[in-house]
Amino acid sequence: MHTKNQTLIERLIEKTGSGDLHWNATSRPMQYSLSMSANQVIIERTANMGVVKYKFSILDAQGGDIDTITVQSTPSPTADTILLRSLYETARRNANHIDETIDRLLNELS
């Protein structure tokens, strides 16, 4: 993975985790998107016959593909796989409001 892509993904994870970015679920299962000023980024997970893949795409304003990174999960995952899996989980939790839901449930149980 190019270092600029890695930096972008790390920053997306950081900014999402701090609440500065808000992801949306798309019409496709296991796919989440983030719209920015002139671009959109998409992270998705696919699973087929036990093979899990993560795909990160950067799109232009018209929805054209600018760059795509796809990694496959293996028993010994690479740093790229770990990074894209982390972005996927961060985007999924954000889009589905998982942390807010858990906080609300915990408050009800207090």
PDB file of N, CA and C in Angstrom:
ATOM      1  N   MET A   1       0.854  -1.178   0.000  1.00  0.00           N
ATOM      2  CA  MET A   1       0.000   0.000   0.000  1.00  0.00           C
ATOM      3  C   MET A   1       0.895   1.234   0.000  1.00  0.00           C
ATOM      4  N   HIS A   2       0.535   2.199  -0.808  1.00  0.00           N
ATOM      5  CA  HIS A   2       1.282   3.451  -0.872  1.00  0.00           C
ATOM      6  C   HIS A   2       1.161   4.180   0.472  1.00  0.00           C
ATOM      7  N   THR A   3       2.203   4.863   0.888  1.00  0.00           N
ATOM      8  CA  THR A   3       2.203   5.531   2.196  1.00  0.00           C
ATOM      9  C   THR A   3       1.111   6.598   2.300  1.00  0.00           C
ATOM     10  N   LYS A   4       0.784   7.273   1.202  1.00  0.00           N
ATOM     11  CA  LYS A   4      -0.287   8.284   1.254  1.00  0.00           C
ATOM     12  C   LYS A   4      -1.637   7.622   1.514  1.00  0.00           C
ATOM     13  N   ASN A   5      -1.862   6.465   0.903  1.00  0.00           N
ATOM     14  CA  ASN A   5      -3.104   5.739   1.162  1.00  0.00           C
ATOM     15  C   ASN A   5      -3.166   5.313   2.626  1.00  0.00           C
ATOM     16  N   GLN A   6      -2.051   4.816   3.136  1.00  0.00           N
ATOM     17  CA  GLN A   6      -1.998   4.396   4.531  1.00  0.00           C
ATOM     18  C   GLN A   6      -2.288   5.571   5.461  1.00  0.00           C
ATOM     19  N   THR A   7      -1.688   6.715   5.193  1.00  0.00           N
ATOM     20  CA  THR A   7      -1.917   7.908   6.009  1.00  0.00           C
ATOM     21  C   THR A   7      -3.382   8.324   5.953  1.00  0.00           C
ATOM     22  N   LEU A   8      -3.973   8.288   4.757  1.00  0.00           N
ATOM     23  CA  LEU A   8      -5.391   8.644   4.604  1.00  0.00           C
ATOM     24  C   LEU A   8      -6.262   7.706   5.427  1.00  0.00           C
ATOM     25  N   ILE A   9      -6.037   6.418   5.336  1.00  0.00           N
ATOM     26  CA  ILE A   9      -6.856   5.444   6.063  1.00  0.00           C
ATOM     27  C   ILE A   9      -6.693   5.601   7.568  1.00  0.00           C
ATOM     28  N   GLU A  10      -5.462   5.801   8.016  1.00  0.00           N
ATOM     29  CA  GLU A  10      -5.222   6.015   9.454  1.00  0.00           C
ATOM     30  C   GLU A  10      -5.946   7.266   9.939  1.00  0.00           C
ATOM     31  N   ARG A  11      -5.926   8.328   9.141  1.00  0.00           N
ATOM     32  CA  ARG A  11      -6.606   9.563   9.531  1.00  0.00           C
ATOM     33  C   ARG A  11      -8.122   9.386   9.531  1.00  0.00           C
ATOM     34  N   LEU A  12      -8.651   8.619   8.586  1.00  0.00           N
ATOM     35  CA  LEU A  12     -10.091   8.331   8.574  1.00  0.00           C
ATOM     36  C   LEU A  12     -10.499   7.581   9.840  1.00  0.00           C
ATOM     37  N   ILE A  13      -9.699   6.611  10.252  1.00  0.00           N
ATOM     38  CA  ILE A  13      -9.986   5.865  11.478  1.00  0.00           C
ATOM     39  C   ILE A  13      -9.957   6.808  12.685  1.00  0.00           C
ATOM     40  N   GLU A  14      -8.924   7.624  12.745  1.00  0.00           N
ATOM     41  CA  GLU A  14      -8.759   8.554  13.872  1.00  0.00           C
ATOM     42  C   GLU A  14      -9.923   9.548  13.943  1.00  0.00           C
ATOM     43  N   LYS A  15     -10.249  10.183  12.828  1.00  0.00           N
ATOM     44  CA  LYS A  15     -11.301  11.215  12.810  1.00  0.00           C
ATOM     45  C   LYS A  15     -12.689  10.609  13.037  1.00  0.00           C
ATOM     46  N   THR A  16     -12.891   9.390  12.568  1.00  0.00           N
ATOM     47  CA  THR A  16     -14.166   8.720  12.818  1.00  0.00           C
ATOM     48  C   THR A  16     -14.278   8.378  14.295  1.00  0.00           C
ATOM     49  N   GLY A  17     -13.199   7.861  14.856  1.00  0.00           N
ATOM     50  CA  GLY A  17     -13.194   7.503  16.264  1.00  0.00           C
ATOM     51  C   GLY A  17     -13.424   8.684  17.193  1.00  0.00           C
ATOM     52  N   SER A  18     -12.982   9.863  16.783  1.00  0.00           N
ATOM     53  CA  SER A  18     -13.172  11.055  17.616  1.00  0.00           C
ATOM     54  C   SER A  18     -14.516  11.738  17.351  1.00  0.00           C
ATOM     55  N   GLY A  19     -15.297  11.178  16.419  1.00  0.00           N
ATOM     56  CA  GLY A  19     -16.632  11.736  16.157  1.00  0.00           C
ATOM     57  C   GLY A  19     -16.671  12.849  15.128  1.00  0.00           C
ATOM     58  N   ASP A  20     -15.562  13.103  14.450  1.00  0.00           N
ATOM     59  CA  ASP A  20     -15.519  14.182  13.461  1.00  0.00           C
ATOM     60  C   ASP A  20     -16.090  13.773  12.104  1.00  0.00           C
ATOM     61  N   LEU A  21     -16.161  12.471  11.833  1.00  0.00           N
ATOM     62  CA  LEU A  21     -16.667  11.988  10.551  1.00  0.00           C
ATOM     63  C   LEU A  21     -17.856  11.066  10.793  1.00  0.00           C
ATOM     64  N   HIS A  22     -18.791  11.061   9.842  1.00  0.00           N
ATOM     65  CA  HIS A  22     -20.000  10.244   9.977  1.00  0.00           C
ATOM     66  C   HIS A  22     -20.226   9.440   8.704  1.00  0.00           C
ATOM     67  N   TRP A  23     -20.105   8.134   8.825  1.00  0.00           N
ATOM     68  CA  TRP A  23     -20.271   7.205   7.722  1.00  0.00           C
ATOM     69  C   TRP A  23     -21.730   6.842   7.556  1.00  0.00           C
ATOM     70  N   ASN A  24     -22.085   6.370   6.354  1.00  0.00           N
ATOM     71  CA  ASN A  24     -23.440   5.920   6.054  1.00  0.00           C
ATOM     72  C   ASN A  24     -23.389   4.521   5.466  1.00  0.00           C
ATOM     73  N   ALA A  25     -24.374   3.718   5.819  1.00  0.00           N
ATOM     74  CA  ALA A  25     -24.526   2.419   5.177  1.00  0.00           C
ATOM     75  C   ALA A  25     -25.049   2.671   3.771  1.00  0.00           C
ATOM     76  N   THR A  26     -24.583   1.896   2.817  1.00  0.00           N
ATOM     77  CA  THR A  26     -25.073   2.020   1.445  1.00  0.00           C
ATOM     78  C   THR A  26     -26.170   0.973   1.231  1.00  0.00           C
ATOM     79  N   SER A  27     -26.690   0.912   0.033  1.00  0.00           N
ATOM     80  CA  SER A  27     -27.724  -0.087  -0.277  1.00  0.00           C
ATOM     81  C   SER A  27     -27.138  -1.492  -0.386  1.00  0.00           C
ATOM     82  N   ARG A  28     -25.832  -1.589  -0.483  1.00  0.00           N
ATOM     83  CA  ARG A  28     -25.175  -2.898  -0.537  1.00  0.00           C
ATOM     84  C   ARG A  28     -24.824  -3.361   0.868  1.00  0.00           C
ATOM     85  N   PRO A  29     -25.070  -4.627   1.175  1.00  0.00           N
ATOM     86  CA  PRO A  29     -24.709  -5.113   2.513  1.00  0.00           C
ATOM     87  C   PRO A  29     -23.196  -5.047   2.742  1.00  0.00           C
ATOM     88  N   MET A  30     -22.827  -4.732   3.955  1.00  0.00           N
ATOM     89  CA  MET A  30     -21.423  -4.679   4.392  1.00  0.00           C
ATOM     90  C   MET A  30     -20.610  -3.642   3.615  1.00  0.00           C
ATOM     91  N   GLN A  31     -21.258  -2.533   3.236  1.00  0.00           N
ATOM     92  CA  GLN A  31     -20.566  -1.456   2.541  1.00  0.00           C
ATOM     93  C   GLN A  31     -20.958  -0.124   3.183  1.00  0.00           C
ATOM     94  N   TYR A  32     -19.945   0.720   3.430  1.00  0.00           N
ATOM     95  CA  TYR A  32     -20.154   1.997   4.097  1.00  0.00           C
ATOM     96  C   TYR A  32     -19.446   3.093   3.312  1.00  0.00           C
ATOM     97  N   SER A  33     -20.070   4.267   3.267  1.00  0.00           N
ATOM     98  CA  SER A  33     -19.509   5.372   2.493  1.00  0.00           C
ATOM     99  C   SER A  33     -19.399   6.620   3.339  1.00  0.00           C
ATOM    100  N   LEU A  34     -18.466   7.450   2.943  1.00  0.00           N
ATOM    101  CA  LEU A  34     -18.241   8.745   3.582  1.00  0.00           C
ATOM    102  C   LEU A  34     -18.091   9.774   2.476  1.00  0.00           C
ATOM    103  N   SER A  35     -18.966  10.771   2.479  1.00  0.00           N
ATOM    104  CA  SER A  35     -18.886  11.836   1.487  1.00  0.00           C
ATOM    105  C   SER A  35     -18.077  12.980   2.051  1.00  0.00           C
ATOM    106  N   MET A  36     -17.154  13.458   1.240  1.00  0.00           N
ATOM    107  CA  MET A  36     -16.342  14.599   1.621  1.00  0.00           C
ATOM    108  C   MET A  36     -16.597  15.688   0.592  1.00  0.00           C
ATOM    109  N   SER A  37     -15.862  16.764   0.626  1.00  0.00           N
ATOM    110  CA  SER A  37     -16.167  17.927  -0.220  1.00  0.00           C
ATOM    111  C   SER A  37     -16.297  17.579  -1.696  1.00  0.00           C
ATOM    112  N   ALA A  38     -15.322  16.931  -2.277  1.00  0.00           N
ATOM    113  CA  ALA A  38     -15.376  16.628  -3.709  1.00  0.00           C
ATOM    114  C   ALA A  38     -15.200  15.148  -3.990  1.00  0.00           C
ATOM    115  N   ASN A  39     -15.114  14.349  -2.957  1.00  0.00           N
ATOM    116  CA  ASN A  39     -14.863  12.929  -3.148  1.00  0.00           C
ATOM    117  C   ASN A  39     -15.710  12.101  -2.204  1.00  0.00           C
ATOM    118  N   GLN A  40     -15.710  10.834  -2.465  1.00  0.00           N
ATOM    119  CA  GLN A  40     -16.381   9.881  -1.596  1.00  0.00           C
ATOM    120  C   GLN A  40     -15.424   8.716  -1.387  1.00  0.00           C
ATOM    121  N   VAL A  41     -15.425   8.176  -0.170  1.00  0.00           N
ATOM    122  CA  VAL A  41     -14.652   6.971   0.090  1.00  0.00           C
ATOM    123  C   VAL A  41     -15.618   5.870   0.502  1.00  0.00           C
ATOM    124  N   ILE A  42     -15.281   4.664   0.109  1.00  0.00           N
ATOM    125  CA  ILE A  42     -16.127   3.505   0.403  1.00  0.00           C
ATOM    126  C   ILE A  42     -15.241   2.397   0.960  1.00  0.00           C
ATOM    127  N   ILE A  43     -15.736   1.760   2.022  1.00  0.00           N
ATOM    128  CA  ILE A  43     -15.082   0.574   2.550  1.00  0.00           C
ATOM    129  C   ILE A  43     -16.124  -0.535   2.553  1.00  0.00           C
ATOM    130  N   GLU A  44     -15.721  -1.698   2.082  1.00  0.00           N
ATOM    131  CA  GLU A  44     -16.661  -2.812   2.073  1.00  0.00           C
ATOM    132  C   GLU A  44     -15.963  -4.117   2.416  1.00  0.00           C
ATOM    133  N   ARG A  45     -16.765  -5.038   2.885  1.00  0.00           N
ATOM    134  CA  ARG A  45     -16.295  -6.376   3.243  1.00  0.00           C
ATOM    135  C   ARG A  45     -17.102  -7.366   2.414  1.00  0.00           C
ATOM    136  N   THR A  46     -16.422  -8.322   1.834  1.00  0.00           N
ATOM    137  CA  THR A  46     -17.120  -9.390   1.131  1.00  0.00           C
ATOM    138  C   THR A  46     -16.620 -10.712   1.686  1.00  0.00           C
ATOM    139  N   ALA A  47     -17.503 -11.678   1.702  1.00  0.00           N
ATOM    140  CA  ALA A  47     -17.141 -13.014   2.152  1.00  0.00           C
ATOM    141  C   ALA A  47     -17.726 -14.009   1.161  1.00  0.00           C
ATOM    142  N   ASN A  48     -16.864 -14.854   0.631  1.00  0.00           N
ATOM    143  CA  ASN A  48     -17.303 -15.836  -0.344  1.00  0.00           C
ATOM    144  C   ASN A  48     -16.533 -17.130  -0.111  1.00  0.00           C
ATOM    145  N   MET A  49     -17.259 -18.162   0.234  1.00  0.00           N
ATOM    146  CA  MET A  49     -16.664 -19.478   0.469  1.00  0.00           C
ATOM    147  C   MET A  49     -15.511 -19.416   1.473  1.00  0.00           C
ATOM    148  N   GLY A  50     -15.720 -18.682   2.551  1.00  0.00           N
ATOM    149  CA  GLY A  50     -14.724 -18.594   3.603  1.00  0.00           C
ATOM    150  C   GLY A  50     -13.603 -17.606   3.367  1.00  0.00           C
ATOM    151  N   VAL A  51     -13.607 -16.944   2.215  1.00  0.00           N
ATOM    152  CA  VAL A  51     -12.576 -15.953   1.909  1.00  0.00           C
ATOM    153  C   VAL A  51     -13.158 -14.561   2.168  1.00  0.00           C
ATOM    154  N   VAL A  52     -12.529 -13.824   3.075  1.00  0.00           N
ATOM    155  CA  VAL A  52     -12.969 -12.475   3.420  1.00  0.00           C
ATOM    156  C   VAL A  52     -12.048 -11.472   2.748  1.00  0.00           C
ATOM    157  N   LYS A  53     -12.648 -10.505   2.073  1.00  0.00           N
ATOM    158  CA  LYS A  53     -11.884  -9.441   1.422  1.00  0.00           C
ATOM    159  C   LYS A  53     -12.392  -8.089   1.904  1.00  0.00           C
ATOM    160  N   TYR A  54     -11.469  -7.130   1.968  1.00  0.00           N
ATOM    161  CA  TYR A  54     -11.801  -5.744   2.281  1.00  0.00           C
ATOM    162  C   TYR A  54     -11.387  -4.901   1.083  1.00  0.00           C
ATOM    163  N   LYS A  55     -12.268  -3.991   0.697  1.00  0.00           N
ATOM    164  CA  LYS A  55     -12.002  -3.147  -0.463  1.00  0.00           C
ATOM    165  C   LYS A  55     -12.226  -1.691  -0.077  1.00  0.00           C
ATOM    166  N   PHE A  56     -11.223  -0.875  -0.315  1.00  0.00           N
ATOM    167  CA  PHE A  56     -11.283   0.569  -0.037  1.00  0.00           C
ATOM    168  C   PHE A  56     -11.210   1.292  -1.368  1.00  0.00           C
ATOM    169  N   SER A  57     -12.166   2.173  -1.616  1.00  0.00           N
ATOM    170  CA  SER A  57     -12.213   2.907  -2.882  1.00  0.00           C
ATOM    171  C   SER A  57     -12.318   4.396  -2.632  1.00  0.00           C
ATOM    172  N   ILE A  58     -11.640   5.162  -3.473  1.00  0.00           N
ATOM    173  CA  ILE A  58     -11.761   6.620  -3.493  1.00  0.00           C
ATOM    174  C   ILE A  58     -12.444   6.965  -4.810  1.00  0.00           C
ATOM    175  N   LEU A  59     -13.543   7.709  -4.724  1.00  0.00           N
ATOM    176  CA  LEU A  59     -14.305   8.084  -5.906  1.00  0.00           C
ATOM    177  C   LEU A  59     -14.248   9.584  -6.130  1.00  0.00           C
ATOM    178  N   ASP A  60     -14.361  10.005  -7.396  1.00  0.00           N
ATOM    179  CA  ASP A  60     -14.423  11.435  -7.690  1.00  0.00           C
ATOM    180  C   ASP A  60     -15.866  11.926  -7.533  1.00  0.00           C
ATOM    181  N   ALA A  61     -16.099  13.202  -7.818  1.00  0.00           N
ATOM    182  CA  ALA A  61     -17.416  13.819  -7.616  1.00  0.00           C
ATOM    183  C   ALA A  61     -18.499  13.163  -8.468  1.00  0.00           C
ATOM    184  N   GLN A  62     -18.122  12.567  -9.582  1.00  0.00           N
ATOM    185  CA  GLN A  62     -19.094  11.914 -10.463  1.00  0.00           C
ATOM    186  C   GLN A  62     -19.248  10.423 -10.146  1.00  0.00           C
ATOM    187  N   GLY A  63     -18.545   9.936  -9.146  1.00  0.00           N
ATOM    188  CA  GLY A  63     -18.635   8.529  -8.771  1.00  0.00           C
ATOM    189  C   GLY A  63     -17.639   7.639  -9.484  1.00  0.00           C
ATOM    190  N   GLY A  64     -16.733   8.254 -10.236  1.00  0.00           N
ATOM    191  CA  GLY A  64     -15.696   7.479 -10.922  1.00  0.00           C
ATOM    192  C   GLY A  64     -14.618   7.024  -9.964  1.00  0.00           C
ATOM    193  N   ASP A  65     -14.077   5.874 -10.222  1.00  0.00           N
ATOM    194  CA  ASP A  65     -13.055   5.279  -9.372  1.00  0.00           C
ATOM    195  C   ASP A  65     -11.712   5.975  -9.583  1.00  0.00           C
ATOM    196  N   ILE A  66     -11.155   6.526  -8.506  1.00  0.00           N
ATOM    197  CA  ILE A  66      -9.831   7.148  -8.560  1.00  0.00           C
ATOM    198  C   ILE A  66      -8.763   6.146  -8.133  1.00  0.00           C
ATOM    199  N   ASP A  67      -9.048   5.419  -7.052  1.00  0.00           N
ATOM    200  CA  ASP A  67      -8.088   4.450  -6.542  1.00  0.00           C
ATOM    201  C   ASP A  67      -8.834   3.392  -5.747  1.00  0.00           C
ATOM    202  N   THR A  68      -8.343   2.167  -5.805  1.00  0.00           N
ATOM    203  CA  THR A  68      -8.954   1.055  -5.076  1.00  0.00           C
ATOM    204  C   THR A  68      -7.854   0.179  -4.501  1.00  0.00           C
ATOM    205  N   ILE A  69      -8.070  -0.243  -3.268  1.00  0.00           N
ATOM    206  CA  ILE A  69      -7.170  -1.183  -2.611  1.00  0.00           C
ATOM    207  C   ILE A  69      -8.023  -2.354  -2.145  1.00  0.00           C
ATOM    208  N   THR A  70      -7.632  -3.548  -2.505  1.00  0.00           N
ATOM    209  CA  THR A  70      -8.338  -4.750  -2.070  1.00  0.00           C
ATOM    210  C   THR A  70      -7.336  -5.669  -1.390  1.00  0.00           C
ATOM    211  N   VAL A  71      -7.725  -6.170  -0.222  1.00  0.00           N
ATOM    212  CA  VAL A  71      -6.884  -7.119   0.505  1.00  0.00           C
ATOM    213  C   VAL A  71      -7.725  -8.328   0.890  1.00  0.00           C
ATOM    214  N   GLN A  72      -7.056  -9.442   1.033  1.00  0.00           N
ATOM    215  CA  GLN A  72      -7.724 -10.682   1.413  1.00  0.00           C
ATOM    216  C   GLN A  72      -7.240 -11.093   2.785  1.00  0.00           C
ATOM    217  N   SER A  73      -8.181 -11.444   3.633  1.00  0.00           N
ATOM    218  CA  SER A  73      -7.837 -11.886   4.975  1.00  0.00           C
ATOM    219  C   SER A  73      -7.236 -13.286   4.914  1.00  0.00           C
ATOM    220  N   THR A  74      -6.165 -13.482   5.641  1.00  0.00           N
ATOM    221  CA  THR A  74      -5.478 -14.773   5.693  1.00  0.00           C
ATOM    222  C   THR A  74      -5.229 -15.139   7.159  1.00  0.00           C
ATOM    223  N   PRO A  75      -4.849 -16.377   7.437  1.00  0.00           N
ATOM    224  CA  PRO A  75      -4.554 -16.741   8.829  1.00  0.00           C
ATOM    225  C   PRO A  75      -3.470 -15.851   9.461  1.00  0.00           C
ATOM    226  N   SER A  76      -2.538 -15.373   8.654  1.00  0.00           N
ATOM    227  CA  SER A  76      -1.511 -14.440   9.130  1.00  0.00           C
ATOM    228  C   SER A  76      -1.705 -13.129   8.374  1.00  0.00           C
ATOM    229  N   PRO A  77      -2.625 -12.261   8.861  1.00  0.00           N
ATOM    230  CA  PRO A  77      -2.952 -11.057   8.098  1.00  0.00           C
ATOM    231  C   PRO A  77      -1.783 -10.086   7.976  1.00  0.00           C
ATOM    232  N   THR A  78      -1.727  -9.423   6.832  1.00  0.00           N
ATOM    233  CA  THR A  78      -0.708  -8.407   6.596  1.00  0.00           C
ATOM    234  C   THR A  78      -1.107  -7.111   7.296  1.00  0.00           C
ATOM    235  N   ALA A  79      -0.185  -6.175   7.363  1.00  0.00           N
ATOM    236  CA  ALA A  79      -0.475  -4.861   7.954  1.00  0.00           C
ATOM    237  C   ALA A  79      -1.587  -4.160   7.175  1.00  0.00           C
ATOM    238  N   ASP A  80      -1.602  -4.323   5.846  1.00  0.00           N
ATOM    239  CA  ASP A  80      -2.649  -3.711   5.024  1.00  0.00           C
ATOM    240  C   ASP A  80      -4.019  -4.289   5.360  1.00  0.00           C
ATOM    241  N   THR A  81      -4.079  -5.605   5.547  1.00  0.00           N
ATOM    242  CA  THR A  81      -5.349  -6.249   5.902  1.00  0.00           C
ATOM    243  C   THR A  81      -5.838  -5.767   7.255  1.00  0.00           C
ATOM    244  N   ILE A  82      -4.948  -5.685   8.208  1.00  0.00           N
ATOM    245  CA  ILE A  82      -5.313  -5.219   9.556  1.00  0.00           C
ATOM    246  C   ILE A  82      -5.832  -3.790   9.492  1.00  0.00           C
ATOM    247  N   LEU A  83      -5.183  -2.949   8.709  1.00  0.00           N
ATOM    248  CA  LEU A  83      -5.588  -1.547   8.594  1.00  0.00           C
ATOM    249  C   LEU A  83      -6.970  -1.421   7.944  1.00  0.00           C
ATOM    250  N   LEU A  84      -7.206  -2.129   6.841  1.00  0.00           N
ATOM    251  CA  LEU A  84      -8.511  -2.036   6.181  1.00  0.00           C
ATOM    252  C   LEU A  84      -9.614  -2.669   7.023  1.00  0.00           C
ATOM    253  N   ARG A  85      -9.307  -3.742   7.729  1.00  0.00           N
ATOM    254  CA  ARG A  85     -10.298  -4.340   8.630  1.00  0.00           C
ATOM    255  C   ARG A  85     -10.656  -3.347   9.737  1.00  0.00           C
ATOM    256  N   SER A  86      -9.673  -2.642  10.258  1.00  0.00           N
ATOM    257  CA  SER A  86      -9.923  -1.637  11.291  1.00  0.00           C
ATOM    258  C   SER A  86     -10.799  -0.502  10.763  1.00  0.00           C
ATOM    259  N   LEU A  87     -10.517  -0.038   9.547  1.00  0.00           N
ATOM    260  CA  LEU A  87     -11.355   1.005   8.952  1.00  0.00           C
ATOM    261  C   LEU A  87     -12.774   0.494   8.761  1.00  0.00           C
ATOM    262  N   TYR A  88     -12.922  -0.725   8.272  1.00  0.00           N
ATOM    263  CA  TYR A  88     -14.257  -1.293   8.075  1.00  0.00           C
ATOM    264  C   TYR A  88     -15.026  -1.341   9.396  1.00  0.00           C
ATOM    265  N   GLU A  89     -14.402  -1.864  10.440  1.00  0.00           N
ATOM    266  CA  GLU A  89     -15.083  -1.972  11.739  1.00  0.00           C
ATOM    267  C   GLU A  89     -15.417  -0.587  12.311  1.00  0.00           C
ATOM    268  N   THR A  90     -14.522   0.363  12.136  1.00  0.00           N
ATOM    269  CA  THR A  90     -14.767   1.721  12.620  1.00  0.00           C
ATOM    270  C   THR A  90     -15.939   2.349  11.871  1.00  0.00           C
ATOM    271  N   ALA A  91     -15.963   2.205  10.544  1.00  0.00           N
ATOM    272  CA  ALA A  91     -17.052   2.752   9.731  1.00  0.00           C
ATOM    273  C   ALA A  91     -18.384   2.074  10.063  1.00  0.00           C
ATOM    274  N   ARG A  92     -18.357   0.756  10.234  1.00  0.00           N
ATOM    275  CA  ARG A  92     -19.575  -0.005  10.557  1.00  0.00           C
ATOM    276  C   ARG A  92     -20.161   0.436  11.894  1.00  0.00           C
ATOM    277  N   ARG A  93     -19.304   0.551  12.896  1.00  0.00           N
ATOM    278  CA  ARG A  93     -19.775   0.979  14.217  1.00  0.00           C
ATOM    279  C   ARG A  93     -20.342   2.391  14.160  1.00  0.00           C
ATOM    280  N   ASN A  94     -19.697   3.257  13.380  1.00  0.00           N
ATOM    281  CA  ASN A  94     -20.137   4.642  13.256  1.00  0.00           C
ATOM    282  C   ASN A  94     -21.478   4.725  12.519  1.00  0.00           C
ATOM    283  N   ALA A  95     -21.571   4.079  11.377  1.00  0.00           N
ATOM    284  CA  ALA A  95     -22.791   4.154  10.557  1.00  0.00           C
ATOM    285  C   ALA A  95     -23.995   3.549  11.265  1.00  0.00           C
ATOM    286  N   ASN A  96     -23.762   2.496  12.041  1.00  0.00           N
ATOM    287  CA  ASN A  96     -24.856   1.818  12.736  1.00  0.00           C
ATOM    288  C   ASN A  96     -25.085   2.329  14.155  1.00  0.00           C
ATOM    289  N   HIS A  97     -24.357   3.360  14.536  1.00  0.00           N
ATOM    290  CA  HIS A  97     -24.504   3.995  15.860  1.00  0.00           C
ATOM    291  C   HIS A  97     -24.364   2.973  16.990  1.00  0.00           C
ATOM    292  N   ILE A  98     -23.422   2.065  16.825  1.00  0.00           N
ATOM    293  CA  ILE A  98     -23.264   0.976  17.795  1.00  0.00           C
ATOM    294  C   ILE A  98     -22.831   1.493  19.161  1.00  0.00           C
ATOM    295  N   ASP A  99     -21.845   2.379  19.203  1.00  0.00           N
ATOM    296  CA  ASP A  99     -21.366   2.870  20.500  1.00  0.00           C
ATOM    297  C   ASP A  99     -22.451   3.651  21.237  1.00  0.00           C
ATOM    298  N   GLU A 100     -23.226   4.462  20.513  1.00  0.00           N
ATOM    299  CA  GLU A 100     -24.306   5.216  21.146  1.00  0.00           C
ATOM    300  C   GLU A 100     -25.369   4.271  21.702  1.00  0.00           C
ATOM    301  N   THR A 101     -25.666   3.223  20.961  1.00  0.00           N
ATOM    302  CA  THR A 101     -26.658   2.252  21.413  1.00  0.00           C
ATOM    303  C   THR A 101     -26.181   1.529  22.662  1.00  0.00           C
ATOM    304  N   ILE A 102     -24.929   1.108  22.673  1.00  0.00           N
ATOM    305  CA  ILE A 102     -24.388   0.430  23.853  1.00  0.00           C
ATOM    306  C   ILE A 102     -24.369   1.373  25.048  1.00  0.00           C
ATOM    307  N   ASP A 103     -23.980   2.637  24.835  1.00  0.00           N
ATOM    308  CA  ASP A 103     -23.992   3.612  25.933  1.00  0.00           C
ATOM    309  C   ASP A 103     -25.395   3.780  26.502  1.00  0.00           C
ATOM    310  N   ARG A 104     -26.396   3.850  25.630  1.00  0.00           N
ATOM    311  CA  ARG A 104     -27.785   4.007  26.077  1.00  0.00           C
ATOM    312  C   ARG A 104     -28.222   2.786  26.881  1.00  0.00           C
ATOM    313  N   LEU A 105     -27.867   1.597  26.418  1.00  0.00           N
ATOM    314  CA  LEU A 105     -28.212   0.374  27.143  1.00  0.00           C
ATOM    315  C   LEU A 105     -27.519   0.314  28.497  1.00  0.00           C
ATOM    316  N   LEU A 106     -26.242   0.701  28.521  1.00  0.00           N
ATOM    317  CA  LEU A 106     -25.518   0.711  29.795  1.00  0.00           C
ATOM    318  C   LEU A 106     -26.137   1.698  30.779  1.00  0.00           C
ATOM    319  N   ASN A 107     -26.551   2.856  30.274  1.00  0.00           N
ATOM    320  CA  ASN A 107     -27.195   3.844  31.147  1.00  0.00           C
ATOM    321  C   ASN A 107     -28.508   3.300  31.720  1.00  0.00           C
ATOM    322  N   GLU A 108     -29.247   2.566  30.917  1.00  0.00           N
ATOM    323  CA  GLU A 108     -30.499   1.983  31.407  1.00  0.00           C
ATOM    324  C   GLU A 108     -30.244   0.928  32.491  1.00  0.00           C
ATOM    325  N   LEU A 109     -29.096   0.292  32.424  1.00  0.00           N
ATOM    326  CA  LEU A 109     -28.775  -0.736  33.400  1.00  0.00           C
ATOM    327  C   LEU A 109     -28.086  -0.193  34.651  1.00  0.00           C
ATOM    328  N   SER A 110     -27.801   1.086  34.660  1.00  0.00           N
ATOM    329  CA  SER A 110     -27.105   1.690  35.818  1.00  0.00           C
ATOM    330  C   SER A 110     -28.042   1.845  37.000  1.00  0.00           C
TER     331      SER A 110
END
